[in-house]
Amino acid sequence: MLGHHAMIATLNHEQDPAKRGELLPAAVHIGKKVWLGANVTVLPGVTNGDEAVIVAGAVVTKDVPAKTIAAGVPARVVKEITE
Protein backbone atom coordinates (compact mmCIF):
# COMPACT_ATOMS: atom_id res chain seq x y z
CA MET A 1 0.00 0.00 0.00
CA LEU A 2 1.19 3.50 -0.80
CA GLY A 3 0.08 6.54 1.16
CA HIS A 4 -0.48 9.95 -0.42
CA HIS A 5 2.66 11.58 -1.79
CA ALA A 6 4.93 8.59 -1.08
CA MET A 7 8.16 8.94 -3.07
CA ILE A 8 10.38 6.10 -4.23
CA ALA A 9 13.63 7.60 -5.49
CA THR A 10 15.88 5.51 -7.72
CA LEU A 11 18.40 8.13 -8.84
CA ASN A 12 21.14 10.05 -7.07
CA HIS A 13 23.92 12.37 -8.31
CA GLU A 14 27.70 12.23 -8.06
CA GLN A 15 29.07 14.21 -5.10
CA ASP A 16 32.11 15.47 -7.03
CA PRO A 17 31.12 18.97 -8.32
CA ALA A 18 32.73 18.23 -11.70
CA LYS A 19 30.49 15.16 -12.13
CA ARG A 20 27.20 16.26 -10.49
CA GLY A 21 25.36 16.04 -13.78
CA GLU A 22 25.93 12.28 -13.84
CA LEU A 23 23.13 10.12 -12.47
CA LEU A 24 23.69 7.11 -10.20
CA PRO A 25 20.76 4.71 -10.52
CA ALA A 26 20.06 2.20 -7.73
CA ALA A 27 17.07 -0.13 -7.48
CA VAL A 28 14.59 0.03 -4.62
CA HIS A 29 13.06 -3.26 -3.51
CA ILE A 30 9.60 -3.29 -1.93
CA GLY A 31 8.61 -6.60 -0.34
CA LYS A 32 5.18 -8.20 -0.31
CA LYS A 33 2.44 -6.52 1.75
CA VAL A 34 4.60 -3.47 2.57
CA TRP A 35 2.80 -0.30 3.69
CA LEU A 36 4.43 3.04 2.92
CA GLY A 37 2.61 5.80 4.79
CA ALA A 38 1.81 9.29 3.50
CA ASN A 39 4.80 11.47 2.58
CA VAL A 40 7.32 8.64 2.99
CA THR A 41 10.55 8.97 1.01
CA VAL A 42 12.48 5.82 0.13
CA LEU A 43 16.01 6.55 -1.11
CA PRO A 44 17.94 4.65 -3.83
CA GLY A 45 19.34 1.21 -3.05
CA VAL A 46 17.02 0.45 -0.12
CA THR A 47 15.11 -2.81 0.49
CA ASN A 48 11.88 -2.87 2.48
CA GLY A 49 11.24 -6.40 3.74
CA ASP A 50 7.94 -8.26 3.44
CA GLU A 51 5.10 -6.92 5.61
CA ALA A 52 7.14 -3.92 6.82
CA VAL A 53 5.32 -0.71 7.75
CA ILE A 54 6.95 2.65 7.13
CA VAL A 55 5.30 5.36 9.23
CA ALA A 56 4.07 8.57 7.55
CA GLY A 57 6.78 11.14 6.93
CA ALA A 58 9.70 8.74 7.36
CA VAL A 59 12.81 8.94 5.19
CA VAL A 60 14.15 5.45 4.52
CA THR A 61 17.93 5.59 4.03
CA LYS A 62 18.79 1.97 4.95
CA ASP A 63 17.18 -1.45 4.57
CA VAL A 64 14.13 -2.16 6.72
CA PRO A 65 13.75 -5.79 7.87
CA ALA A 66 10.60 -7.82 7.23
CA LYS A 67 7.76 -7.59 9.76
CA THR A 68 8.98 -4.39 11.40
CA ILE A 69 7.67 -0.85 11.80
CA ALA A 70 10.10 1.94 10.92
CA ALA A 71 9.65 5.64 11.68
CA GLY A 72 11.59 8.89 11.71
CA VAL A 73 14.12 10.88 9.76
CA PRO A 74 16.15 8.88 9.06
CA ALA A 75 13.83 5.91 9.52
CA ARG A 76 14.74 3.36 12.18
CA VAL A 77 12.97 0.25 13.41
CA VAL A 78 10.73 1.10 16.34
CA LYS A 79 8.83 -2.17 16.68
CA GLU A 80 8.70 -5.75 15.45
CA ILE A 81 5.39 -7.09 14.15
CA THR A 82 4.69 -10.36 15.94
CA GLU A 83 1.26 -11.28 14.59
C-alpha atoms as a PDB file:
ATOM      1  CA  MET A   1       0.000   0.000   0.000  1.00  0.00           C
ATOM      2  CA  LEU A   2       1.188   3.502  -0.801  1.00  0.00           C
ATOM      3  CA  GLY A   3       0.077   6.544   1.156  1.00  0.00           C
ATOM      4  CA  HIS A   4      -0.485   9.949  -0.420  1.00  0.00           C
ATOM      5  CA  HIS A   5       2.663  11.584  -1.787  1.00  0.00           C
ATOM      6  CA  ALA A   6       4.926   8.594  -1.076  1.00  0.00           C
ATOM      7  CA  MET A   7       8.156   8.941  -3.068  1.00  0.00           C
ATOM      8  CA  ILE A   8      10.375   6.103  -4.234  1.00  0.00           C
ATOM      9  CA  ALA A   9      13.633   7.596  -5.490  1.00  0.00           C
ATOM     10  CA  THR A  10      15.884   5.506  -7.715  1.00  0.00           C
ATOM     11  CA  LEU A  11      18.401   8.130  -8.842  1.00  0.00           C
ATOM     12  CA  ASN A  12      21.143  10.048  -7.074  1.00  0.00           C
ATOM     13  CA  HIS A  13      23.923  12.370  -8.306  1.00  0.00           C
ATOM     14  CA  GLU A  14      27.704  12.233  -8.058  1.00  0.00           C
ATOM     15  CA  GLN A  15      29.072  14.209  -5.098  1.00  0.00           C
ATOM     16  CA  ASP A  16      32.105  15.475  -7.029  1.00  0.00           C
ATOM     17  CA  PRO A  17      31.123  18.968  -8.319  1.00  0.00           C
ATOM     18  CA  ALA A  18      32.726  18.229 -11.698  1.00  0.00           C
ATOM     19  CA  LYS A  19      30.492  15.157 -12.128  1.00  0.00           C
ATOM     20  CA  ARG A  20      27.204  16.258 -10.492  1.00  0.00           C
ATOM     21  CA  GLY A  21      25.360  16.042 -13.780  1.00  0.00           C
ATOM     22  CA  GLU A  22      25.930  12.283 -13.838  1.00  0.00           C
ATOM     23  CA  LEU A  23      23.127  10.119 -12.474  1.00  0.00           C
ATOM     24  CA  LEU A  24      23.690   7.114 -10.202  1.00  0.00           C
ATOM     25  CA  PRO A  25      20.761   4.708 -10.519  1.00  0.00           C
ATOM     26  CA  ALA A  26      20.057   2.200  -7.731  1.00  0.00           C
ATOM     27  CA  ALA A  27      17.074  -0.126  -7.481  1.00  0.00           C
ATOM     28  CA  VAL A  28      14.587   0.035  -4.619  1.00  0.00           C
ATOM     29  CA  HIS A  29      13.056  -3.265  -3.512  1.00  0.00           C
ATOM     30  CA  ILE A  30       9.605  -3.287  -1.930  1.00  0.00           C
ATOM     31  CA  GLY A  31       8.613  -6.599  -0.341  1.00  0.00           C
ATOM     32  CA  LYS A  32       5.183  -8.199  -0.308  1.00  0.00           C
ATOM     33  CA  LYS A  33       2.444  -6.518   1.752  1.00  0.00           C
ATOM     34  CA  VAL A  34       4.600  -3.471   2.573  1.00  0.00           C
ATOM     35  CA  TRP A  35       2.801  -0.304   3.686  1.00  0.00           C
ATOM     36  CA  LEU A  36       4.426   3.037   2.917  1.00  0.00           C
ATOM     37  CA  GLY A  37       2.608   5.803   4.792  1.00  0.00           C
ATOM     38  CA  ALA A  38       1.812   9.294   3.496  1.00  0.00           C
ATOM     39  CA  ASN A  39       4.799  11.470   2.577  1.00  0.00           C
ATOM     40  CA  VAL A  40       7.320   8.644   2.995  1.00  0.00           C
ATOM     41  CA  THR A  41      10.547   8.972   1.015  1.00  0.00           C
ATOM     42  CA  VAL A  42      12.484   5.820   0.128  1.00  0.00           C
ATOM     43  CA  LEU A  43      16.012   6.549  -1.113  1.00  0.00           C
ATOM     44  CA  PRO A  44      17.937   4.652  -3.826  1.00  0.00           C
ATOM     45  CA  GLY A  45      19.337   1.212  -3.053  1.00  0.00           C
ATOM     46  CA  VAL A  46      17.015   0.449  -0.124  1.00  0.00           C
ATOM     47  CA  THR A  47      15.113  -2.807   0.489  1.00  0.00           C
ATOM     48  CA  ASN A  48      11.882  -2.872   2.482  1.00  0.00           C
ATOM     49  CA  GLY A  49      11.244  -6.403   3.736  1.00  0.00           C
ATOM     50  CA  ASP A  50       7.938  -8.261   3.442  1.00  0.00           C
ATOM     51  CA  GLU A  51       5.099  -6.916   5.609  1.00  0.00           C
ATOM     52  CA  ALA A  52       7.141  -3.918   6.823  1.00  0.00           C
ATOM     53  CA  VAL A  53       5.318  -0.710   7.750  1.00  0.00           C
ATOM     54  CA  ILE A  54       6.951   2.654   7.126  1.00  0.00           C
ATOM     55  CA  VAL A  55       5.297   5.363   9.230  1.00  0.00           C
ATOM     56  CA  ALA A  56       4.072   8.567   7.551  1.00  0.00           C
ATOM     57  CA  GLY A  57       6.784  11.145   6.929  1.00  0.00           C
ATOM     58  CA  ALA A  58       9.696   8.739   7.364  1.00  0.00           C
ATOM     59  CA  VAL A  59      12.814   8.942   5.186  1.00  0.00           C
ATOM     60  CA  VAL A  60      14.154   5.448   4.524  1.00  0.00           C
ATOM     61  CA  THR A  61      17.927   5.586   4.031  1.00  0.00           C
ATOM     62  CA  LYS A  62      18.789   1.975   4.952  1.00  0.00           C
ATOM     63  CA  ASP A  63      17.180  -1.451   4.573  1.00  0.00           C
ATOM     64  CA  VAL A  64      14.129  -2.165   6.717  1.00  0.00           C
ATOM     65  CA  PRO A  65      13.753  -5.795   7.873  1.00  0.00           C
ATOM     66  CA  ALA A  66      10.604  -7.816   7.228  1.00  0.00           C
ATOM     67  CA  LYS A  67       7.757  -7.587   9.763  1.00  0.00           C
ATOM     68  CA  THR A  68       8.979  -4.391  11.403  1.00  0.00           C
ATOM     69  CA  ILE A  69       7.670  -0.848  11.803  1.00  0.00           C
ATOM     70  CA  ALA A  70      10.097   1.944  10.917  1.00  0.00           C
ATOM     71  CA  ALA A  71       9.650   5.638  11.677  1.00  0.00           C
ATOM     72  CA  GLY A  72      11.587   8.886  11.713  1.00  0.00           C
ATOM     73  CA  VAL A  73      14.121  10.877   9.762  1.00  0.00           C
ATOM     74  CA  PRO A  74      16.151   8.879   9.064  1.00  0.00           C
ATOM     75  CA  ALA A  75      13.834   5.906   9.519  1.00  0.00           C
ATOM     76  CA  ARG A  76      14.742   3.362  12.176  1.00  0.00           C
ATOM     77  CA  VAL A  77      12.969   0.246  13.410  1.00  0.00           C
ATOM     78  CA  VAL A  78      10.730   1.100  16.340  1.00  0.00           C
ATOM     79  CA  LYS A  79       8.826  -2.168  16.681  1.00  0.00           C
ATOM     80  CA  GLU A  80       8.705  -5.746  15.448  1.00  0.00           C
ATOM     81  CA  ILE A  81       5.395  -7.092  14.148  1.00  0.00           C
ATOM     82  CA  THR A  82       4.694 -10.364  15.936  1.00  0.00           C
ATOM     83  CA  GLU A  83       1.256 -11.276  14.592  1.00  0.00           C
END
